[in-house]
Amino acid sequence: DFTVTSTNYSSITVKVVDGTRNITPVTAELKVTITGTSLTKVYTGSEQNVSGFTSDAPDGVSVQLKADHKAEAKGTVAGQYPMNLTADDFTVTSKNYENITVEVVDGGLTIIPVTDELIVTITGNSGSKVYNGSEQIIDGFISDAPAGVSVVLKDSHKAEAKGTVVGTYPMNLTADDFIVTSANYSKIKVQVVDGNLT
């Protein structure tokens, strides 16, 4: 690496003692914050998920999920689904820092109800029977409510029609006879098709 010359010496031997510079790791505490991804989605009836994380670790600091650990949340119905992340889910290493502490901000998935109106049609059962001199009855109902929507009769209300002589006997059902609820839909309109016994 060197050229050494002199008019006074015809033979020069050069010996080199190499220099070194030691860079030691930072001993002061380095705080690394890991934040799980958070996302809000509208209910679809299918499973939805969110995954991933970010960190504020500087260059030279590795942040990795441990084997078989996940930064993931998933769900189907309206509600909140946390990732439940902790520092134990991660391996954080660096040759440049001796003292690393890890803080975790959990991520998660929030599924919110559909805001568009959902129309639920409830239809009372209908049927015909032959006169037999005794009281006859028909009861029950069906609805086209999708999964996750509860349709029940109110207490002391009935979906029932009964009669003895020839004729048509309506159930006289109305929307007020039912309780229709769902965490997945914020606006539900109920339509009723009455049932009857003939």
N, C-alpha and C. Protein backbone atom coordinates (compact mmCIF):
# COMPACT_ATOMS: atom_id res chain seq x y z
N ASP A 1 0.81 -1.21 0.00
CA ASP A 1 0.00 0.00 0.00
C ASP A 1 0.85 1.27 0.00
N PHE A 2 2.15 1.10 0.24
CA PHE A 2 3.01 2.28 0.39
C PHE A 2 4.18 2.25 -0.59
N THR A 3 4.65 3.43 -0.97
CA THR A 3 5.89 3.60 -1.74
C THR A 3 6.85 4.45 -0.91
N VAL A 4 8.03 3.88 -0.58
CA VAL A 4 8.99 4.59 0.27
C VAL A 4 10.28 4.80 -0.53
N THR A 5 10.68 6.05 -0.71
CA THR A 5 11.88 6.36 -1.52
C THR A 5 12.80 7.31 -0.77
N SER A 6 14.08 7.23 -1.11
CA SER A 6 15.06 8.16 -0.51
C SER A 6 16.30 8.19 -1.40
N THR A 7 16.90 9.38 -1.58
CA THR A 7 18.16 9.50 -2.33
C THR A 7 19.33 9.08 -1.48
N ASN A 8 19.08 8.92 -0.19
CA ASN A 8 20.18 8.61 0.74
C ASN A 8 20.31 7.12 1.03
N TYR A 9 19.31 6.34 0.68
CA TYR A 9 19.35 4.91 0.96
C TYR A 9 19.00 4.15 -0.30
N SER A 10 19.88 3.18 -0.59
CA SER A 10 19.63 2.39 -1.79
C SER A 10 18.75 1.19 -1.53
N SER A 11 18.65 0.77 -0.27
CA SER A 11 17.84 -0.40 0.07
C SER A 11 16.98 -0.06 1.29
N ILE A 12 15.74 -0.08 1.10
CA ILE A 12 14.80 0.25 2.18
C ILE A 12 13.84 -0.91 2.38
N THR A 13 13.73 -1.37 3.58
CA THR A 13 12.77 -2.40 3.94
C THR A 13 11.61 -1.75 4.71
N VAL A 14 10.44 -2.06 4.29
CA VAL A 14 9.26 -1.43 4.92
C VAL A 14 8.52 -2.47 5.76
N LYS A 15 8.30 -2.15 7.01
CA LYS A 15 7.46 -2.97 7.88
C LYS A 15 6.21 -2.17 8.25
N VAL A 16 5.11 -2.81 8.21
CA VAL A 16 3.84 -2.15 8.48
C VAL A 16 3.17 -2.77 9.71
N VAL A 17 2.82 -1.95 10.65
CA VAL A 17 2.02 -2.38 11.80
C VAL A 17 0.59 -1.89 11.56
N ASP A 18 -0.30 -2.85 11.34
CA ASP A 18 -1.67 -2.50 10.97
C ASP A 18 -2.37 -1.78 12.11
N GLY A 19 -3.20 -0.83 11.75
CA GLY A 19 -4.01 -0.12 12.74
C GLY A 19 -5.40 -0.74 12.86
N THR A 20 -6.03 -0.58 13.95
CA THR A 20 -7.39 -1.11 14.17
C THR A 20 -8.26 -0.05 14.82
N ARG A 21 -9.56 -0.26 14.62
CA ARG A 21 -10.54 0.60 15.28
C ARG A 21 -11.66 -0.29 15.80
N ASN A 22 -11.85 -0.29 17.08
CA ASN A 22 -12.89 -1.11 17.69
C ASN A 22 -14.17 -0.31 17.85
N ILE A 23 -15.26 -0.86 17.29
CA ILE A 23 -16.58 -0.26 17.48
C ILE A 23 -17.35 -1.16 18.43
N THR A 24 -17.71 -0.64 19.55
CA THR A 24 -18.41 -1.43 20.56
C THR A 24 -19.92 -1.15 20.50
N PRO A 25 -20.71 -2.13 20.89
CA PRO A 25 -22.16 -1.92 20.86
C PRO A 25 -22.60 -0.80 21.80
N VAL A 26 -23.71 -0.19 21.45
CA VAL A 26 -24.32 0.82 22.32
C VAL A 26 -24.85 0.12 23.57
N THR A 27 -24.50 0.67 24.74
CA THR A 27 -24.95 0.04 25.99
C THR A 27 -26.25 0.65 26.50
N ALA A 28 -26.57 1.84 26.05
CA ALA A 28 -27.83 2.46 26.49
C ALA A 28 -29.02 1.66 25.96
N GLU A 29 -30.10 1.70 26.70
CA GLU A 29 -31.30 0.94 26.32
C GLU A 29 -31.88 1.44 24.99
N LEU A 30 -32.19 0.49 24.13
CA LEU A 30 -32.91 0.78 22.89
C LEU A 30 -34.32 0.20 23.01
N LYS A 31 -35.30 1.04 22.91
CA LYS A 31 -36.68 0.56 22.97
C LYS A 31 -37.21 0.39 21.56
N VAL A 32 -37.68 -0.79 21.25
CA VAL A 32 -38.27 -1.10 19.95
C VAL A 32 -39.76 -1.36 20.14
N THR A 33 -40.57 -0.62 19.41
CA THR A 33 -42.01 -0.80 19.48
C THR A 33 -42.49 -1.55 18.24
N ILE A 34 -43.18 -2.64 18.48
CA ILE A 34 -43.73 -3.46 17.40
C ILE A 34 -45.25 -3.26 17.43
N THR A 35 -45.82 -2.94 16.28
CA THR A 35 -47.26 -2.65 16.19
C THR A 35 -47.92 -3.61 15.21
N GLY A 36 -48.88 -4.37 15.72
CA GLY A 36 -49.64 -5.26 14.85
C GLY A 36 -50.56 -4.46 13.94
N THR A 37 -50.77 -4.96 12.75
CA THR A 37 -51.65 -4.29 11.79
C THR A 37 -53.10 -4.35 12.27
N SER A 38 -53.80 -3.23 12.15
CA SER A 38 -55.22 -3.17 12.52
C SER A 38 -56.03 -2.76 11.29
N LEU A 39 -57.21 -3.34 11.18
CA LEU A 39 -58.03 -3.08 10.00
C LEU A 39 -59.50 -3.21 10.37
N THR A 40 -60.33 -2.38 9.72
CA THR A 40 -61.78 -2.45 9.90
C THR A 40 -62.41 -2.85 8.57
N LYS A 41 -63.28 -3.88 8.64
CA LYS A 41 -63.94 -4.36 7.43
C LYS A 41 -65.44 -4.49 7.71
N VAL A 42 -66.22 -4.42 6.63
CA VAL A 42 -67.68 -4.58 6.73
C VAL A 42 -68.02 -6.06 6.64
N TYR A 43 -68.99 -6.47 7.43
CA TYR A 43 -69.45 -7.86 7.44
C TYR A 43 -69.82 -8.34 6.03
N THR A 44 -69.35 -9.54 5.67
CA THR A 44 -69.65 -10.10 4.36
C THR A 44 -70.32 -11.47 4.44
N GLY A 45 -70.31 -12.07 5.62
CA GLY A 45 -70.80 -13.43 5.76
C GLY A 45 -69.72 -14.47 5.61
N SER A 46 -68.54 -14.07 5.17
CA SER A 46 -67.40 -14.97 5.02
C SER A 46 -66.30 -14.58 6.01
N GLU A 47 -65.42 -15.51 6.28
CA GLU A 47 -64.31 -15.20 7.17
C GLU A 47 -63.39 -14.16 6.55
N GLN A 48 -62.97 -13.20 7.37
CA GLN A 48 -62.04 -12.16 6.92
C GLN A 48 -60.85 -12.15 7.88
N ASN A 49 -59.73 -11.62 7.39
CA ASN A 49 -58.56 -11.60 8.27
C ASN A 49 -57.69 -10.39 8.02
N VAL A 50 -56.75 -10.20 8.95
CA VAL A 50 -55.72 -9.17 8.82
C VAL A 50 -54.44 -9.77 9.39
N SER A 51 -53.31 -9.42 8.80
CA SER A 51 -52.05 -9.98 9.28
C SER A 51 -50.93 -8.96 9.10
N GLY A 52 -49.82 -9.23 9.78
CA GLY A 52 -48.63 -8.39 9.62
C GLY A 52 -48.38 -7.47 10.80
N PHE A 53 -47.23 -6.82 10.75
CA PHE A 53 -46.83 -5.89 11.81
C PHE A 53 -45.77 -4.94 11.26
N THR A 54 -45.55 -3.86 11.96
CA THR A 54 -44.47 -2.92 11.66
C THR A 54 -43.67 -2.68 12.94
N SER A 55 -42.49 -2.11 12.80
CA SER A 55 -41.70 -1.75 13.98
C SER A 55 -40.91 -0.48 13.69
N ASP A 56 -40.50 0.16 14.76
CA ASP A 56 -39.66 1.36 14.62
C ASP A 56 -38.18 1.05 14.85
N ALA A 57 -37.82 -0.22 14.68
CA ALA A 57 -36.42 -0.62 14.88
C ALA A 57 -35.52 0.08 13.88
N PRO A 58 -34.37 0.60 14.32
CA PRO A 58 -33.45 1.26 13.39
C PRO A 58 -32.70 0.23 12.54
N ASP A 59 -31.96 0.73 11.55
CA ASP A 59 -31.15 -0.16 10.72
C ASP A 59 -30.20 -0.97 11.60
N GLY A 60 -30.03 -2.21 11.22
CA GLY A 60 -29.13 -3.06 11.99
C GLY A 60 -29.81 -3.83 13.10
N VAL A 61 -31.13 -3.64 13.25
CA VAL A 61 -31.89 -4.38 14.26
C VAL A 61 -32.88 -5.28 13.54
N SER A 62 -32.80 -6.56 13.81
CA SER A 62 -33.69 -7.54 13.17
C SER A 62 -34.89 -7.81 14.07
N VAL A 63 -36.09 -7.73 13.47
CA VAL A 63 -37.34 -8.03 14.18
C VAL A 63 -38.04 -9.14 13.41
N GLN A 64 -38.14 -10.30 14.05
CA GLN A 64 -38.73 -11.46 13.38
C GLN A 64 -39.73 -12.14 14.30
N LEU A 65 -40.82 -12.68 13.69
CA LEU A 65 -41.72 -13.54 14.44
C LEU A 65 -41.02 -14.86 14.72
N LYS A 66 -41.24 -15.40 15.90
CA LYS A 66 -40.71 -16.71 16.22
C LYS A 66 -41.43 -17.78 15.38
N ALA A 67 -40.77 -18.91 15.22
CA ALA A 67 -41.37 -20.02 14.48
C ALA A 67 -42.70 -20.43 15.11
N ASP A 68 -43.69 -20.67 14.26
CA ASP A 68 -45.03 -21.11 14.69
C ASP A 68 -45.83 -20.01 15.41
N HIS A 69 -45.34 -18.79 15.41
CA HIS A 69 -46.09 -17.67 15.97
C HIS A 69 -46.64 -16.85 14.80
N LYS A 70 -47.79 -16.24 15.01
CA LYS A 70 -48.44 -15.50 13.94
C LYS A 70 -48.88 -14.12 14.41
N ALA A 71 -48.80 -13.17 13.50
CA ALA A 71 -49.39 -11.84 13.72
C ALA A 71 -50.63 -11.79 12.83
N GLU A 72 -51.72 -12.34 13.35
CA GLU A 72 -52.90 -12.53 12.53
C GLU A 72 -54.16 -12.51 13.39
N ALA A 73 -55.23 -11.96 12.82
CA ALA A 73 -56.54 -12.01 13.46
C ALA A 73 -57.57 -12.29 12.38
N LYS A 74 -58.57 -13.09 12.73
CA LYS A 74 -59.60 -13.41 11.74
C LYS A 74 -60.94 -13.62 12.43
N GLY A 75 -62.00 -13.38 11.66
CA GLY A 75 -63.34 -13.53 12.20
C GLY A 75 -64.37 -13.45 11.10
N THR A 76 -65.61 -13.77 11.46
CA THR A 76 -66.69 -13.79 10.47
C THR A 76 -67.81 -12.81 10.82
N VAL A 77 -68.31 -12.89 12.03
CA VAL A 77 -69.42 -12.02 12.43
C VAL A 77 -68.90 -10.69 12.95
N ALA A 78 -69.80 -9.72 13.04
CA ALA A 78 -69.40 -8.39 13.51
C ALA A 78 -68.83 -8.48 14.92
N GLY A 79 -67.73 -7.78 15.14
CA GLY A 79 -67.08 -7.78 16.44
C GLY A 79 -65.62 -7.43 16.30
N GLN A 80 -64.89 -7.56 17.41
CA GLN A 80 -63.47 -7.25 17.42
C GLN A 80 -62.67 -8.53 17.65
N TYR A 81 -61.61 -8.68 16.86
CA TYR A 81 -60.78 -9.87 16.92
C TYR A 81 -59.32 -9.46 17.10
N PRO A 82 -58.77 -9.53 18.30
CA PRO A 82 -57.38 -9.11 18.52
C PRO A 82 -56.38 -10.16 18.06
N MET A 83 -55.17 -9.72 17.75
CA MET A 83 -54.09 -10.65 17.44
C MET A 83 -53.53 -11.29 18.71
N ASN A 84 -53.65 -10.58 19.83
CA ASN A 84 -53.11 -11.04 21.12
C ASN A 84 -51.59 -11.19 21.06
N LEU A 85 -50.94 -10.22 20.44
CA LEU A 85 -49.48 -10.24 20.34
C LEU A 85 -48.84 -9.85 21.66
N THR A 86 -47.69 -10.48 21.96
CA THR A 86 -46.86 -10.09 23.10
C THR A 86 -45.40 -10.09 22.64
N ALA A 87 -44.53 -9.57 23.50
CA ALA A 87 -43.11 -9.55 23.17
C ALA A 87 -42.56 -10.96 22.98
N ASP A 88 -43.19 -11.94 23.62
CA ASP A 88 -42.71 -13.32 23.50
C ASP A 88 -42.93 -13.90 22.10
N ASP A 89 -43.70 -13.21 21.27
CA ASP A 89 -43.91 -13.69 19.90
C ASP A 89 -42.76 -13.33 18.96
N PHE A 90 -41.84 -12.48 19.42
CA PHE A 90 -40.82 -11.92 18.53
C PHE A 90 -39.40 -12.20 19.01
N THR A 91 -38.50 -12.25 18.03
CA THR A 91 -37.07 -12.27 18.29
C THR A 91 -36.48 -10.98 17.74
N VAL A 92 -35.90 -10.19 18.65
CA VAL A 92 -35.34 -8.89 18.26
C VAL A 92 -33.85 -8.91 18.61
N THR A 93 -32.99 -8.80 17.59
CA THR A 93 -31.54 -8.93 17.81
C THR A 93 -30.77 -7.86 17.04
N SER A 94 -29.56 -7.56 17.57
CA SER A 94 -28.66 -6.62 16.89
C SER A 94 -27.26 -6.72 17.50
N LYS A 95 -26.25 -6.68 16.64
CA LYS A 95 -24.87 -6.61 17.12
C LYS A 95 -24.51 -5.22 17.61
N ASN A 96 -25.35 -4.25 17.26
CA ASN A 96 -25.01 -2.86 17.56
C ASN A 96 -25.59 -2.35 18.89
N TYR A 97 -26.49 -3.14 19.48
CA TYR A 97 -27.14 -2.71 20.73
C TYR A 97 -27.13 -3.87 21.72
N GLU A 98 -26.64 -3.59 22.93
CA GLU A 98 -26.57 -4.63 23.96
C GLU A 98 -27.86 -4.78 24.74
N ASN A 99 -28.60 -3.69 24.85
CA ASN A 99 -29.76 -3.67 25.74
C ASN A 99 -31.01 -3.25 24.96
N ILE A 100 -31.78 -4.22 24.50
CA ILE A 100 -32.97 -3.94 23.70
C ILE A 100 -34.21 -4.36 24.49
N THR A 101 -35.14 -3.43 24.66
CA THR A 101 -36.42 -3.77 25.26
C THR A 101 -37.50 -3.67 24.18
N VAL A 102 -38.49 -4.54 24.28
CA VAL A 102 -39.53 -4.63 23.25
C VAL A 102 -40.88 -4.29 23.86
N GLU A 103 -41.57 -3.38 23.20
CA GLU A 103 -42.95 -3.07 23.55
C GLU A 103 -43.84 -3.43 22.37
N VAL A 104 -45.01 -3.96 22.67
CA VAL A 104 -45.91 -4.42 21.60
C VAL A 104 -47.26 -3.71 21.70
N VAL A 105 -47.69 -3.16 20.59
CA VAL A 105 -49.05 -2.61 20.46
C VAL A 105 -49.83 -3.62 19.63
N ASP A 106 -50.84 -4.21 20.24
CA ASP A 106 -51.57 -5.30 19.58
C ASP A 106 -52.31 -4.80 18.34
N GLY A 107 -52.42 -5.67 17.37
CA GLY A 107 -53.23 -5.39 16.18
C GLY A 107 -54.51 -6.19 16.24
N GLY A 108 -55.34 -6.01 15.25
CA GLY A 108 -56.58 -6.77 15.25
C GLY A 108 -57.49 -6.41 14.10
N LEU A 109 -58.56 -7.17 14.01
CA LEU A 109 -59.57 -6.99 12.99
C LEU A 109 -60.88 -6.57 13.65
N THR A 110 -61.48 -5.52 13.10
CA THR A 110 -62.81 -5.10 13.53
C THR A 110 -63.77 -5.28 12.36
N ILE A 111 -64.81 -6.07 12.59
CA ILE A 111 -65.84 -6.26 11.57
C ILE A 111 -67.07 -5.48 12.00
N ILE A 112 -67.51 -4.57 11.15
CA ILE A 112 -68.65 -3.71 11.49
C ILE A 112 -69.90 -4.18 10.73
N PRO A 113 -71.08 -3.86 11.27
CA PRO A 113 -72.32 -4.29 10.62
C PRO A 113 -72.51 -3.63 9.25
N VAL A 114 -73.26 -4.32 8.41
CA VAL A 114 -73.69 -3.75 7.13
C VAL A 114 -74.68 -2.63 7.42
N THR A 115 -74.50 -1.49 6.80
CA THR A 115 -75.40 -0.35 7.04
C THR A 115 -76.54 -0.28 6.03
N ASP A 116 -76.42 -0.98 4.91
CA ASP A 116 -77.53 -1.02 3.94
C ASP A 116 -78.71 -1.78 4.56
N GLU A 117 -79.91 -1.35 4.20
CA GLU A 117 -81.10 -1.99 4.75
C GLU A 117 -81.21 -3.45 4.32
N LEU A 118 -81.50 -4.31 5.29
CA LEU A 118 -81.78 -5.71 5.02
C LEU A 118 -83.27 -5.95 5.19
N ILE A 119 -83.91 -6.48 4.16
CA ILE A 119 -85.34 -6.79 4.24
C ILE A 119 -85.50 -8.28 4.54
N VAL A 120 -86.17 -8.57 5.64
CA VAL A 120 -86.45 -9.94 6.04
C VAL A 120 -87.94 -10.20 5.88
N THR A 121 -88.28 -11.21 5.11
CA THR A 121 -89.68 -11.58 4.91
C THR A 121 -90.00 -12.81 5.74
N ILE A 122 -91.01 -12.67 6.59
CA ILE A 122 -91.49 -13.78 7.42
C ILE A 122 -92.83 -14.25 6.86
N THR A 123 -92.95 -15.53 6.63
CA THR A 123 -94.17 -16.08 6.02
C THR A 123 -94.79 -17.12 6.96
N GLY A 124 -95.99 -16.85 7.38
CA GLY A 124 -96.70 -17.82 8.19
C GLY A 124 -97.07 -19.05 7.37
N ASN A 125 -97.04 -20.19 8.01
CA ASN A 125 -97.40 -21.43 7.30
C ASN A 125 -98.89 -21.42 6.94
N SER A 126 -99.20 -21.95 5.79
CA SER A 126 -100.60 -22.08 5.34
C SER A 126 -100.85 -23.52 4.92
N GLY A 127 -102.12 -23.93 5.07
CA GLY A 127 -102.45 -25.28 4.66
C GLY A 127 -103.96 -25.48 4.61
N SER A 128 -104.35 -26.54 3.92
CA SER A 128 -105.77 -26.89 3.80
C SER A 128 -106.03 -28.24 4.44
N LYS A 129 -107.13 -28.34 5.12
CA LYS A 129 -107.51 -29.59 5.76
C LYS A 129 -108.99 -29.87 5.48
N VAL A 130 -109.34 -31.12 5.50
CA VAL A 130 -110.73 -31.53 5.25
C VAL A 130 -111.51 -31.48 6.57
N TYR A 131 -112.71 -30.94 6.49
CA TYR A 131 -113.57 -30.86 7.68
C TYR A 131 -113.74 -32.24 8.33
N ASN A 132 -113.56 -32.30 9.66
CA ASN A 132 -113.73 -33.57 10.36
C ASN A 132 -114.58 -33.44 11.63
N GLY A 133 -115.13 -32.25 11.85
CA GLY A 133 -115.97 -32.04 13.01
C GLY A 133 -115.21 -31.64 14.26
N SER A 134 -113.89 -31.72 14.23
CA SER A 134 -113.05 -31.34 15.37
C SER A 134 -112.22 -30.11 15.02
N GLU A 135 -111.74 -29.42 16.05
CA GLU A 135 -110.88 -28.26 15.81
C GLU A 135 -109.57 -28.72 15.18
N GLN A 136 -109.17 -28.00 14.17
CA GLN A 136 -107.90 -28.30 13.49
C GLN A 136 -107.00 -27.05 13.54
N ILE A 137 -105.71 -27.27 13.37
CA ILE A 137 -104.76 -26.17 13.60
C ILE A 137 -103.61 -26.25 12.60
N ILE A 138 -103.07 -25.11 12.31
CA ILE A 138 -101.81 -25.01 11.58
C ILE A 138 -100.98 -23.94 12.26
N ASP A 139 -99.69 -24.18 12.38
CA ASP A 139 -98.85 -23.19 13.08
C ASP A 139 -97.45 -23.14 12.45
N GLY A 140 -96.68 -22.19 12.93
CA GLY A 140 -95.30 -22.06 12.48
C GLY A 140 -95.11 -21.02 11.39
N PHE A 141 -93.87 -20.77 11.08
CA PHE A 141 -93.52 -19.77 10.07
C PHE A 141 -92.13 -20.08 9.54
N ILE A 142 -91.79 -19.46 8.42
CA ILE A 142 -90.45 -19.50 7.86
C ILE A 142 -90.01 -18.08 7.56
N SER A 143 -88.73 -17.90 7.35
CA SER A 143 -88.24 -16.57 6.96
C SER A 143 -87.07 -16.74 6.00
N ASP A 144 -86.76 -15.67 5.29
CA ASP A 144 -85.62 -15.69 4.38
C ASP A 144 -84.41 -14.98 4.99
N ALA A 145 -84.41 -14.89 6.32
CA ALA A 145 -83.30 -14.22 7.00
C ALA A 145 -82.00 -14.97 6.73
N PRO A 146 -80.93 -14.24 6.41
CA PRO A 146 -79.64 -14.90 6.18
C PRO A 146 -79.02 -15.38 7.49
N ALA A 147 -77.97 -16.14 7.37
CA ALA A 147 -77.26 -16.62 8.56
C ALA A 147 -76.82 -15.43 9.41
N GLY A 148 -76.93 -15.61 10.71
CA GLY A 148 -76.54 -14.54 11.62
C GLY A 148 -77.66 -13.60 11.98
N VAL A 149 -78.86 -13.84 11.45
CA VAL A 149 -80.03 -13.02 11.78
C VAL A 149 -81.02 -13.90 12.55
N SER A 150 -81.38 -13.46 13.74
CA SER A 150 -82.31 -14.21 14.58
C SER A 150 -83.74 -13.71 14.37
N VAL A 151 -84.66 -14.65 14.12
CA VAL A 151 -86.08 -14.34 13.95
C VAL A 151 -86.86 -15.19 14.96
N VAL A 152 -87.44 -14.55 15.95
CA VAL A 152 -88.20 -15.30 16.96
C VAL A 152 -89.51 -14.57 17.25
N LEU A 153 -90.49 -15.36 17.67
CA LEU A 153 -91.75 -14.77 18.13
C LEU A 153 -91.55 -14.13 19.50
N LYS A 154 -92.24 -13.02 19.72
CA LYS A 154 -92.23 -12.42 21.04
C LYS A 154 -92.96 -13.32 22.03
N ASP A 155 -92.61 -13.16 23.30
CA ASP A 155 -93.30 -13.93 24.33
C ASP A 155 -94.80 -13.70 24.25
N SER A 156 -95.54 -14.77 24.39
CA SER A 156 -97.01 -14.79 24.39
C SER A 156 -97.63 -14.54 23.01
N HIS A 157 -96.80 -14.36 21.99
CA HIS A 157 -97.31 -14.23 20.63
C HIS A 157 -97.25 -15.58 19.93
N LYS A 158 -98.17 -15.83 19.03
CA LYS A 158 -98.25 -17.11 18.35
C LYS A 158 -98.39 -16.94 16.84
N ALA A 159 -97.79 -17.89 16.13
CA ALA A 159 -98.01 -18.01 14.69
C ALA A 159 -98.92 -19.22 14.52
N GLU A 160 -100.22 -18.97 14.61
CA GLU A 160 -101.16 -20.08 14.72
C GLU A 160 -102.52 -19.69 14.16
N ALA A 161 -103.11 -20.64 13.49
CA ALA A 161 -104.50 -20.47 13.03
C ALA A 161 -105.24 -21.78 13.30
N LYS A 162 -106.48 -21.66 13.78
CA LYS A 162 -107.25 -22.88 14.08
C LYS A 162 -108.74 -22.63 13.85
N GLY A 163 -109.44 -23.69 13.54
CA GLY A 163 -110.87 -23.59 13.29
C GLY A 163 -111.50 -24.97 13.23
N THR A 164 -112.84 -24.95 13.25
CA THR A 164 -113.58 -26.22 13.24
C THR A 164 -114.44 -26.38 11.99
N VAL A 165 -115.22 -25.35 11.67
CA VAL A 165 -116.12 -25.45 10.52
C VAL A 165 -115.39 -25.02 9.26
N VAL A 166 -116.00 -25.32 8.13
CA VAL A 166 -115.40 -24.96 6.84
C VAL A 166 -115.22 -23.45 6.75
N GLY A 167 -114.04 -23.01 6.31
CA GLY A 167 -113.76 -21.59 6.18
C GLY A 167 -112.26 -21.34 6.15
N THR A 168 -111.89 -20.08 6.13
CA THR A 168 -110.47 -19.68 6.14
C THR A 168 -110.18 -18.95 7.44
N TYR A 169 -109.11 -19.38 8.11
CA TYR A 169 -108.76 -18.85 9.42
C TYR A 169 -107.34 -18.26 9.36
N PRO A 170 -107.21 -16.95 9.34
CA PRO A 170 -105.88 -16.32 9.24
C PRO A 170 -105.15 -16.35 10.59
N MET A 171 -103.83 -16.30 10.53
CA MET A 171 -103.00 -16.15 11.73
C MET A 171 -103.02 -14.71 12.23
N ASN A 172 -103.24 -13.76 11.31
CA ASN A 172 -103.21 -12.33 11.64
C ASN A 172 -101.83 -11.89 12.16
N LEU A 173 -100.82 -12.39 11.49
CA LEU A 173 -99.45 -12.02 11.88
C LEU A 173 -99.11 -10.62 11.41
N THR A 174 -98.29 -9.92 12.23
CA THR A 174 -97.73 -8.62 11.84
C THR A 174 -96.27 -8.59 12.29
N ALA A 175 -95.56 -7.58 11.83
CA ALA A 175 -94.15 -7.45 12.23
C ALA A 175 -94.00 -7.30 13.74
N ASP A 176 -95.03 -6.78 14.39
CA ASP A 176 -94.97 -6.59 15.84
C ASP A 176 -94.98 -7.91 16.61
N ASP A 177 -95.25 -8.99 15.94
CA ASP A 177 -95.24 -10.30 16.60
C ASP A 177 -93.83 -10.89 16.72
N PHE A 178 -92.87 -10.26 16.07
CA PHE A 178 -91.54 -10.87 15.96
C PHE A 178 -90.43 -9.96 16.51
N ILE A 179 -89.36 -10.60 16.92
CA ILE A 179 -88.12 -9.92 17.25
C ILE A 179 -87.07 -10.39 16.25
N VAL A 180 -86.55 -9.46 15.47
CA VAL A 180 -85.56 -9.77 14.45
C VAL A 180 -84.29 -8.99 14.76
N THR A 181 -83.22 -9.68 15.06
CA THR A 181 -81.99 -9.02 15.49
C THR A 181 -80.76 -9.62 14.82
N SER A 182 -79.72 -8.82 14.73
CA SER A 182 -78.44 -9.29 14.21
C SER A 182 -77.35 -8.29 14.54
N ALA A 183 -76.22 -8.81 14.95
CA ALA A 183 -75.05 -7.95 15.15
C ALA A 183 -74.41 -7.56 13.83
N ASN A 184 -74.82 -8.23 12.76
CA ASN A 184 -74.17 -8.03 11.46
C ASN A 184 -74.88 -7.02 10.56
N TYR A 185 -76.09 -6.62 10.95
CA TYR A 185 -76.87 -5.67 10.15
C TYR A 185 -77.43 -4.59 11.09
N SER A 186 -77.17 -3.35 10.75
CA SER A 186 -77.61 -2.25 11.62
C SER A 186 -79.02 -1.78 11.29
N LYS A 187 -79.53 -2.14 10.12
CA LYS A 187 -80.86 -1.68 9.73
C LYS A 187 -81.62 -2.84 9.10
N ILE A 188 -82.65 -3.32 9.82
CA ILE A 188 -83.44 -4.47 9.34
C ILE A 188 -84.91 -4.06 9.22
N LYS A 189 -85.48 -4.31 8.07
CA LYS A 189 -86.90 -4.08 7.84
C LYS A 189 -87.61 -5.42 7.74
N VAL A 190 -88.73 -5.56 8.45
CA VAL A 190 -89.45 -6.82 8.50
C VAL A 190 -90.75 -6.73 7.70
N GLN A 191 -90.93 -7.68 6.80
CA GLN A 191 -92.18 -7.81 6.06
C GLN A 191 -92.81 -9.15 6.43
N VAL A 192 -94.14 -9.16 6.55
CA VAL A 192 -94.85 -10.37 6.98
C VAL A 192 -95.90 -10.77 5.95
N VAL A 193 -95.86 -12.04 5.58
CA VAL A 193 -96.92 -12.64 4.76
C VAL A 193 -97.71 -13.56 5.68
N ASP A 194 -98.97 -13.24 5.86
CA ASP A 194 -99.76 -13.97 6.85
C ASP A 194 -100.00 -15.42 6.42
N GLY A 195 -100.10 -16.29 7.41
CA GLY A 195 -100.45 -17.67 7.17
C GLY A 195 -101.91 -17.93 7.47
N ASN A 196 -102.43 -19.04 7.02
CA ASN A 196 -103.85 -19.33 7.31
C ASN A 196 -104.15 -20.82 7.21
N LEU A 197 -105.26 -21.17 7.79
CA LEU A 197 -105.80 -22.51 7.70
C LEU A 197 -107.08 -22.45 6.89
N THR A 198 -107.16 -23.31 5.89
CA THR A 198 -108.38 -23.40 5.08
C THR A 198 -108.99 -24.80 5.24
